[in-house]
């Protein structure tokens, strides 16, 4: 399953907001430096979906605000 995620780094809290089916907005506290935001994004999404971090892969937009995330294993 693939989802589209718009990331807002340097937010005041970590939060996942479902916009529509397969589209989410994720606020994270980490800055977009040295992959910190991507690591935090994977952690926050794993907690939100109740799956392991290894089940999530950023397959598009690693350095962009809008990312494509592949969810393997359990369907979210």
PDB file of N, CA and C in Angstrom:
ATOM      1  N   UNK A   1       0.850  -1.176   0.000  1.00  0.00           N
ATOM      2  CA  UNK A   1       0.000   0.000   0.000  1.00  0.00           C
ATOM      3  C   UNK A   1       0.897   1.240   0.000  1.00  0.00           C
ATOM      4  N   UNK A   2       0.510   2.231  -0.762  1.00  0.00           N
ATOM      5  CA  UNK A   2       1.261   3.489  -0.802  1.00  0.00           C
ATOM      6  C   UNK A   2       0.394   4.630  -0.298  1.00  0.00           C
ATOM      7  N   UNK A   3       1.026   5.523   0.446  1.00  0.00           N
ATOM      8  CA  UNK A   3       0.327   6.713   0.911  1.00  0.00           C
ATOM      9  C   UNK A   3       1.160   7.946   0.554  1.00  0.00           C
ATOM     10  N   UNK A   4       0.482   9.066   0.417  1.00  0.00           N
ATOM     11  CA  UNK A   4       1.145  10.343   0.170  1.00  0.00           C
ATOM     12  C   UNK A   4       1.125  11.132   1.465  1.00  0.00           C
ATOM     13  N   UNK A   5       2.283  11.703   1.807  1.00  0.00           N
ATOM     14  CA  UNK A   5       2.416  12.403   3.075  1.00  0.00           C
ATOM     15  C   UNK A   5       3.016  13.781   2.842  1.00  0.00           C
ATOM     16  N   UNK A   6       2.341  14.805   3.358  1.00  0.00           N
ATOM     17  CA  UNK A   6       2.913  16.154   3.357  1.00  0.00           C
ATOM     18  C   UNK A   6       3.518  16.371   4.741  1.00  0.00           C
ATOM     19  N   UNK A   7       4.813  16.661   4.772  1.00  0.00           N
ATOM     20  CA  UNK A   7       5.536  16.775   6.037  1.00  0.00           C
ATOM     21  C   UNK A   7       5.726  18.240   6.419  1.00  0.00           C
ATOM     22  N   UNK A   8       5.472  18.553   7.690  1.00  0.00           N
ATOM     23  CA  UNK A   8       5.737  19.875   8.248  1.00  0.00           C
ATOM     24  C   UNK A   8       6.774  19.724   9.357  1.00  0.00           C
ATOM     25  N   UNK A   9       8.065  19.927   9.030  1.00  0.00           N
ATOM     26  CA  UNK A   9       9.100  19.804  10.058  1.00  0.00           C
ATOM     27  C   UNK A   9       9.098  21.000  11.001  1.00  0.00           C
ATOM     28  N   UNK A  10       9.817  20.848  12.108  1.00  0.00           N
ATOM     29  CA  UNK A  10       9.948  21.890  13.139  1.00  0.00           C
ATOM     30  C   UNK A  10       8.607  22.342  13.706  1.00  0.00           C
ATOM     31  N   UNK A  11       7.668  21.420  13.829  1.00  0.00           N
ATOM     32  CA  UNK A  11       6.373  21.722  14.442  1.00  0.00           C
ATOM     33  C   UNK A  11       6.504  21.655  15.963  1.00  0.00           C
ATOM     34  N   UNK A  12       5.484  22.129  16.649  1.00  0.00           N
ATOM     35  CA  UNK A  12       5.530  22.129  18.110  1.00  0.00           C
ATOM     36  C   UNK A  12       5.281  20.746  18.696  1.00  0.00           C
ATOM     37  N   UNK A  13       4.651  19.852  17.904  1.00  0.00           N
ATOM     38  CA  UNK A  13       4.391  18.492  18.378  1.00  0.00           C
ATOM     39  C   UNK A  13       4.334  17.547  17.188  1.00  0.00           C
ATOM     40  N   UNK A  14       4.440  16.250  17.478  1.00  0.00           N
ATOM     41  CA  UNK A  14       4.304  15.229  16.442  1.00  0.00           C
ATOM     42  C   UNK A  14       2.824  14.883  16.317  1.00  0.00           C
ATOM     43  N   UNK A  15       2.320  14.929  15.068  1.00  0.00           N
ATOM     44  CA  UNK A  15       0.891  14.699  14.862  1.00  0.00           C
ATOM     45  C   UNK A  15       0.649  14.179  13.446  1.00  0.00           C
ATOM     46  N   UNK A  16      -0.273  13.230  13.315  1.00  0.00           N
ATOM     47  CA  UNK A  16      -0.676  12.702  12.011  1.00  0.00           C
ATOM     48  C   UNK A  16      -2.125  13.108  11.769  1.00  0.00           C
ATOM     49  N   UNK A  17      -2.372  13.740  10.619  1.00  0.00           N
ATOM     50  CA  UNK A  17      -3.720  14.178  10.264  1.00  0.00           C
ATOM     51  C   UNK A  17      -4.104  13.498   8.951  1.00  0.00           C
ATOM     52  N   UNK A  18      -5.199  12.733   8.967  1.00  0.00           N
ATOM     53  CA  UNK A  18      -5.664  12.068   7.750  1.00  0.00           C
ATOM     54  C   UNK A  18      -6.471  13.070   6.936  1.00  0.00           C
ATOM     55  N   UNK A  19      -6.014  13.335   5.716  1.00  0.00           N
ATOM     56  CA  UNK A  19      -6.704  14.274   4.837  1.00  0.00           C
ATOM     57  C   UNK A  19      -7.763  13.534   4.022  1.00  0.00           C
ATOM     58  N   UNK A  20      -7.361  12.426   3.417  1.00  0.00           N
ATOM     59  CA  UNK A  20      -8.286  11.579   2.667  1.00  0.00           C
ATOM     60  C   UNK A  20      -7.697  10.175   2.649  1.00  0.00           C
ATOM     61  N   UNK A  21      -8.359   9.256   1.973  1.00  0.00           N
ATOM     62  CA  UNK A  21      -7.856   7.888   1.898  1.00  0.00           C
ATOM     63  C   UNK A  21      -6.521   7.891   1.161  1.00  0.00           C
ATOM     64  N   UNK A  22      -5.464   7.502   1.863  1.00  0.00           N
ATOM     65  CA  UNK A  22      -4.141   7.447   1.245  1.00  0.00           C
ATOM     66  C   UNK A  22      -3.387   8.758   1.245  1.00  0.00           C
ATOM     67  N   UNK A  23      -3.908   9.771   1.923  1.00  0.00           N
ATOM     68  CA  UNK A  23      -3.242  11.075   1.958  1.00  0.00           C
ATOM     69  C   UNK A  23      -3.249  11.613   3.391  1.00  0.00           C
ATOM     70  N   UNK A  24      -2.058  11.971   3.868  1.00  0.00           N
ATOM     71  CA  UNK A  24      -1.897  12.404   5.255  1.00  0.00           C
ATOM     72  C   UNK A  24      -1.027  13.645   5.336  1.00  0.00           C
ATOM     73  N   UNK A  25      -1.226  14.404   6.409  1.00  0.00           N
ATOM     74  CA  UNK A  25      -0.327  15.505   6.748  1.00  0.00           C
ATOM     75  C   UNK A  25       0.311  15.116   8.074  1.00  0.00           C
ATOM     76  N   UNK A  26       1.633  15.200   8.147  1.00  0.00           N
ATOM     77  CA  UNK A  26       2.333  14.804   9.361  1.00  0.00           C
ATOM     78  C   UNK A  26       3.176  15.974   9.851  1.00  0.00           C
ATOM     79  N   UNK A  27       2.925  16.372  11.099  1.00  0.00           N
ATOM     80  CA  UNK A  27       3.725  17.406  11.742  1.00  0.00           C
ATOM     81  C   UNK A  27       4.758  16.707  12.614  1.00  0.00           C
ATOM     82  N   UNK A  28       6.017  17.112  12.476  1.00  0.00           N
ATOM     83  CA  UNK A  28       7.073  16.518  13.284  1.00  0.00           C
ATOM     84  C   UNK A  28       7.953  17.606  13.882  1.00  0.00           C
ATOM     85  N   UNK A  29       8.527  17.303  15.031  1.00  0.00           N
ATOM     86  CA  UNK A  29       9.346  18.278  15.742  1.00  0.00           C
ATOM     87  C   UNK A  29      10.759  18.378  15.192  1.00  0.00           C
ATOM     88  N   UNK A  30      11.220  17.355  14.487  1.00  0.00           N
ATOM     89  CA  UNK A  30      12.604  17.327  13.993  1.00  0.00           C
ATOM     90  C   UNK A  30      12.811  18.316  12.853  1.00  0.00           C
ATOM     91  N   UNK A  31      14.020  18.892  12.761  1.00  0.00           N
ATOM     92  CA  UNK A  31      14.343  19.784  11.639  1.00  0.00           C
ATOM     93  C   UNK A  31      14.701  18.969  10.396  1.00  0.00           C
ATOM     94  N   UNK A  32      14.569  19.564   9.208  1.00  0.00           N
ATOM     95  CA  UNK A  32      14.907  18.833   7.978  1.00  0.00           C
ATOM     96  C   UNK A  32      16.417  18.854   7.713  1.00  0.00           C
ATOM     97  N   UNK A  33      17.186  18.285   8.633  1.00  0.00           N
ATOM     98  CA  UNK A  33      18.652  18.299   8.544  1.00  0.00           C
ATOM     99  C   UNK A  33      19.182  16.879   8.697  1.00  0.00           C
ATOM    100  N   UNK A  34      20.095  16.472   7.827  1.00  0.00           N
ATOM    101  CA  UNK A  34      20.775  15.169   7.911  1.00  0.00           C
ATOM    102  C   UNK A  34      19.817  13.987   8.072  1.00  0.00           C
ATOM    103  N   UNK A  35      18.666  14.042   7.431  1.00  0.00           N
ATOM    104  CA  UNK A  35      17.728  12.925   7.486  1.00  0.00           C
ATOM    105  C   UNK A  35      16.956  12.795   8.791  1.00  0.00           C
ATOM    106  N   UNK A  36      17.107  13.764   9.699  1.00  0.00           N
ATOM    107  CA  UNK A  36      16.404  13.689  10.990  1.00  0.00           C
ATOM    108  C   UNK A  36      14.893  13.689  10.805  1.00  0.00           C
ATOM    109  N   UNK A  37      14.395  14.540   9.910  1.00  0.00           N
ATOM    110  CA  UNK A  37      12.950  14.627   9.689  1.00  0.00           C
ATOM    111  C   UNK A  37      12.416  13.321   9.110  1.00  0.00           C
ATOM    112  N   UNK A  38      13.148  12.705   8.176  1.00  0.00           N
ATOM    113  CA  UNK A  38      12.700  11.438   7.594  1.00  0.00           C
ATOM    114  C   UNK A  38      12.660  10.331   8.640  1.00  0.00           C
ATOM    115  N   UNK A  39      13.666  10.283   9.505  1.00  0.00           N
ATOM    116  CA  UNK A  39      13.688   9.276  10.573  1.00  0.00           C
ATOM    117  C   UNK A  39      12.516   9.464  11.529  1.00  0.00           C
ATOM    118  N   UNK A  40      12.254  10.720  11.892  1.00  0.00           N
ATOM    119  CA  UNK A  40      11.139  11.019  12.793  1.00  0.00           C
ATOM    120  C   UNK A  40       9.809  10.707  12.114  1.00  0.00           C
ATOM    121  N   UNK A  41       9.704  10.990  10.822  1.00  0.00           N
ATOM    122  CA  UNK A  41       8.486  10.696  10.066  1.00  0.00           C
ATOM    123  C   UNK A  41       8.171   9.209  10.115  1.00  0.00           C
ATOM    124  N   UNK A  42       9.168   8.367   9.865  1.00  0.00           N
ATOM    125  CA  UNK A  42       8.967   6.915   9.889  1.00  0.00           C
ATOM    126  C   UNK A  42       8.528   6.471  11.280  1.00  0.00           C
ATOM    127  N   UNK A  43       9.158   7.012  12.318  1.00  0.00           N
ATOM    128  CA  UNK A  43       8.814   6.651  13.698  1.00  0.00           C
ATOM    129  C   UNK A  43       7.365   7.034  14.022  1.00  0.00           C
ATOM    130  N   UNK A  44       6.981   8.259  13.658  1.00  0.00           N
ATOM    131  CA  UNK A  44       5.633   8.750  13.961  1.00  0.00           C
ATOM    132  C   UNK A  44       4.575   7.953  13.194  1.00  0.00           C
ATOM    133  N   UNK A  45       4.832   7.672  11.917  1.00  0.00           N
ATOM    134  CA  UNK A  45       3.877   6.892  11.133  1.00  0.00           C
ATOM    135  C   UNK A  45       3.761   5.456  11.641  1.00  0.00           C
ATOM    136  N   UNK A  46       4.870   4.866  12.055  1.00  0.00           N
ATOM    137  CA  UNK A  46       4.838   3.497  12.598  1.00  0.00           C
ATOM    138  C   UNK A  46       3.960   3.440  13.844  1.00  0.00           C
ATOM    139  N   UNK A  47       4.093   4.436  14.718  1.00  0.00           N
ATOM    140  CA  UNK A  47       3.257   4.490  15.923  1.00  0.00           C
ATOM    141  C   UNK A  47       1.787   4.692  15.550  1.00  0.00           C
ATOM    142  N   UNK A  48       1.523   5.567  14.586  1.00  0.00           N
ATOM    143  CA  UNK A  48       0.149   5.870  14.169  1.00  0.00           C
ATOM    144  C   UNK A  48      -0.550   4.627  13.619  1.00  0.00           C
ATOM    145  N   UNK A  49       0.146   3.886  12.747  1.00  0.00           N
ATOM    146  CA  UNK A  49      -0.449   2.705  12.129  1.00  0.00           C
ATOM    147  C   UNK A  49      -0.300   1.448  12.981  1.00  0.00           C
ATOM    148  N   UNK A  50       0.495   1.502  14.055  1.00  0.00           N
ATOM    149  CA  UNK A  50       0.685   0.345  14.915  1.00  0.00           C
ATOM    150  C   UNK A  50       1.493  -0.752  14.246  1.00  0.00           C
ATOM    151  N   UNK A  51       2.489  -0.361  13.471  1.00  0.00           N
ATOM    152  CA  UNK A  51       3.351  -1.319  12.774  1.00  0.00           C
ATOM    153  C   UNK A  51       4.808  -1.003  13.083  1.00  0.00           C
ATOM    154  N   UNK A  52       5.698  -1.891  12.680  1.00  0.00           N
ATOM    155  CA  UNK A  52       7.116  -1.661  12.932  1.00  0.00           C
ATOM    156  C   UNK A  52       7.674  -0.643  11.938  1.00  0.00           C
ATOM    157  N   UNK A  53       8.736   0.040  12.347  1.00  0.00           N
ATOM    158  CA  UNK A  53       9.376   1.037  11.480  1.00  0.00           C
ATOM    159  C   UNK A  53       9.904   0.399  10.205  1.00  0.00           C
ATOM    160  N   UNK A  54      10.309  -0.867  10.275  1.00  0.00           N
ATOM    161  CA  UNK A  54      10.855  -1.545   9.095  1.00  0.00           C
ATOM    162  C   UNK A  54       9.787  -1.822   8.034  1.00  0.00           C
ATOM    163  N   UNK A  55       8.513  -1.679   8.393  1.00  0.00           N
ATOM    164  CA  UNK A  55       7.422  -1.881   7.435  1.00  0.00           C
ATOM    165  C   UNK A  55       7.172  -0.652   6.575  1.00  0.00           C
ATOM    166  N   UNK A  56       7.845   0.454   6.892  1.00  0.00           N
ATOM    167  CA  UNK A  56       7.651   1.708   6.169  1.00  0.00           C
ATOM    168  C   UNK A  56       8.911   2.078   5.401  1.00  0.00           C
ATOM    169  N   UNK A  57       8.735   2.496   4.142  1.00  0.00           N
ATOM    170  CA  UNK A  57       9.857   2.908   3.309  1.00  0.00           C
ATOM    171  C   UNK A  57       9.478   4.165   2.538  1.00  0.00           C
ATOM    172  N   UNK A  58      10.356   5.161   2.555  1.00  0.00           N
ATOM    173  CA  UNK A  58      10.141   6.357   1.745  1.00  0.00           C
ATOM    174  C   UNK A  58      10.619   6.017   0.334  1.00  0.00           C
ATOM    175  N   UNK A  59       9.682   5.959  -0.618  1.00  0.00           N
ATOM    176  CA  UNK A  59      10.061   5.584  -1.981  1.00  0.00           C
ATOM    177  C   UNK A  59      10.083   6.774  -2.933  1.00  0.00           C
ATOM    178  N   UNK A  60       9.604   7.914  -2.473  1.00  0.00           N
ATOM    179  CA  UNK A  60       9.638   9.114  -3.308  1.00  0.00           C
ATOM    180  C   UNK A  60       9.652  10.368  -2.464  1.00  0.00           C
ATOM    181  N   UNK A  61      10.401  11.373  -2.899  1.00  0.00           N
ATOM    182  CA  UNK A  61      10.405  12.657  -2.215  1.00  0.00           C
ATOM    183  C   UNK A  61      11.246  12.712  -0.960  1.00  0.00           C
ATOM    184  N   UNK A  62      12.363  11.991  -0.933  1.00  0.00           N
ATOM    185  CA  UNK A  62      13.202  11.974   0.277  1.00  0.00           C
ATOM    186  C   UNK A  62      13.620  13.369   0.729  1.00  0.00           C
ATOM    187  N   UNK A  63      13.805  14.302  -0.222  1.00  0.00           N
ATOM    188  CA  UNK A  63      14.218  15.655   0.155  1.00  0.00           C
ATOM    189  C   UNK A  63      13.122  16.681  -0.131  1.00  0.00           C
ATOM    190  N   UNK A  64      11.886  16.215  -0.339  1.00  0.00           N
ATOM    191  CA  UNK A  64      10.762  17.113  -0.617  1.00  0.00           C
ATOM    192  C   UNK A  64       9.766  17.085   0.541  1.00  0.00           C
ATOM    193  N   UNK A  65       8.861  18.066   0.564  1.00  0.00           N
ATOM    194  CA  UNK A  65       7.851  18.099   1.626  1.00  0.00           C
ATOM    195  C   UNK A  65       6.774  17.046   1.416  1.00  0.00           C
ATOM    196  N   UNK A  66       6.506  16.698   0.158  1.00  0.00           N
ATOM    197  CA  UNK A  66       5.511  15.661  -0.129  1.00  0.00           C
ATOM    198  C   UNK A  66       6.251  14.373  -0.459  1.00  0.00           C
ATOM    199  N   UNK A  67       5.962  13.328   0.298  1.00  0.00           N
ATOM    200  CA  UNK A  67       6.666  12.054   0.172  1.00  0.00           C
ATOM    201  C   UNK A  67       5.688  10.933  -0.163  1.00  0.00           C
ATOM    202  N   UNK A  68       6.211   9.906  -0.811  1.00  0.00           N
ATOM    203  CA  UNK A  68       5.437   8.695  -1.063  1.00  0.00           C
ATOM    204  C   UNK A  68       6.002   7.623  -0.148  1.00  0.00           C
ATOM    205  N   UNK A  69       5.149   7.054   0.671  1.00  0.00           N
ATOM    206  CA  UNK A  69       5.564   6.039   1.643  1.00  0.00           C
ATOM    207  C   UNK A  69       4.956   4.700   1.250  1.00  0.00           C
ATOM    208  N   UNK A  70       5.797   3.681   1.198  1.00  0.00           N
ATOM    209  CA  UNK A  70       5.347   2.300   0.947  1.00  0.00           C
ATOM    210  C   UNK A  70       5.159   1.620   2.286  1.00  0.00           C
ATOM    211  N   UNK A  71       3.961   1.063   2.501  1.00  0.00           N
ATOM    212  CA  UNK A  71       3.677   0.310   3.729  1.00  0.00           C
ATOM    213  C   UNK A  71       3.612  -1.159   3.346  1.00  0.00           C
ATOM    214  N   UNK A  72       4.536  -1.943   3.883  1.00  0.00           N
ATOM    215  CA  UNK A  72       4.548  -3.373   3.583  1.00  0.00           C
ATOM    216  C   UNK A  72       4.048  -4.143   4.792  1.00  0.00           C
ATOM    217  N   UNK A  73       3.675  -5.367   4.578  1.00  0.00           N
ATOM    218  CA  UNK A  73       3.176  -6.175   5.689  1.00  0.00           C
ATOM    219  C   UNK A  73       1.712  -5.897   5.944  1.00  0.00           C
ATOM    220  N   UNK A  74       1.396  -5.450   7.149  1.00  0.00           N
ATOM    221  CA  UNK A  74       0.013  -5.198   7.550  1.00  0.00           C
ATOM    222  C   UNK A  74      -0.594  -4.052   6.751  1.00  0.00           C
ATOM    223  N   UNK A  75      -1.806  -4.259   6.285  1.00  0.00           N
ATOM    224  CA  UNK A  75      -2.525  -3.170   5.598  1.00  0.00           C
ATOM    225  C   UNK A  75      -2.983  -2.157   6.617  1.00  0.00           C
ATOM    226  N   UNK A  76      -2.791  -0.889   6.291  1.00  0.00           N
ATOM    227  CA  UNK A  76      -3.171   0.182   7.236  1.00  0.00           C
ATOM    228  C   UNK A  76      -4.576   0.657   6.964  1.00  0.00           C
TER     229      UNK A  76
END
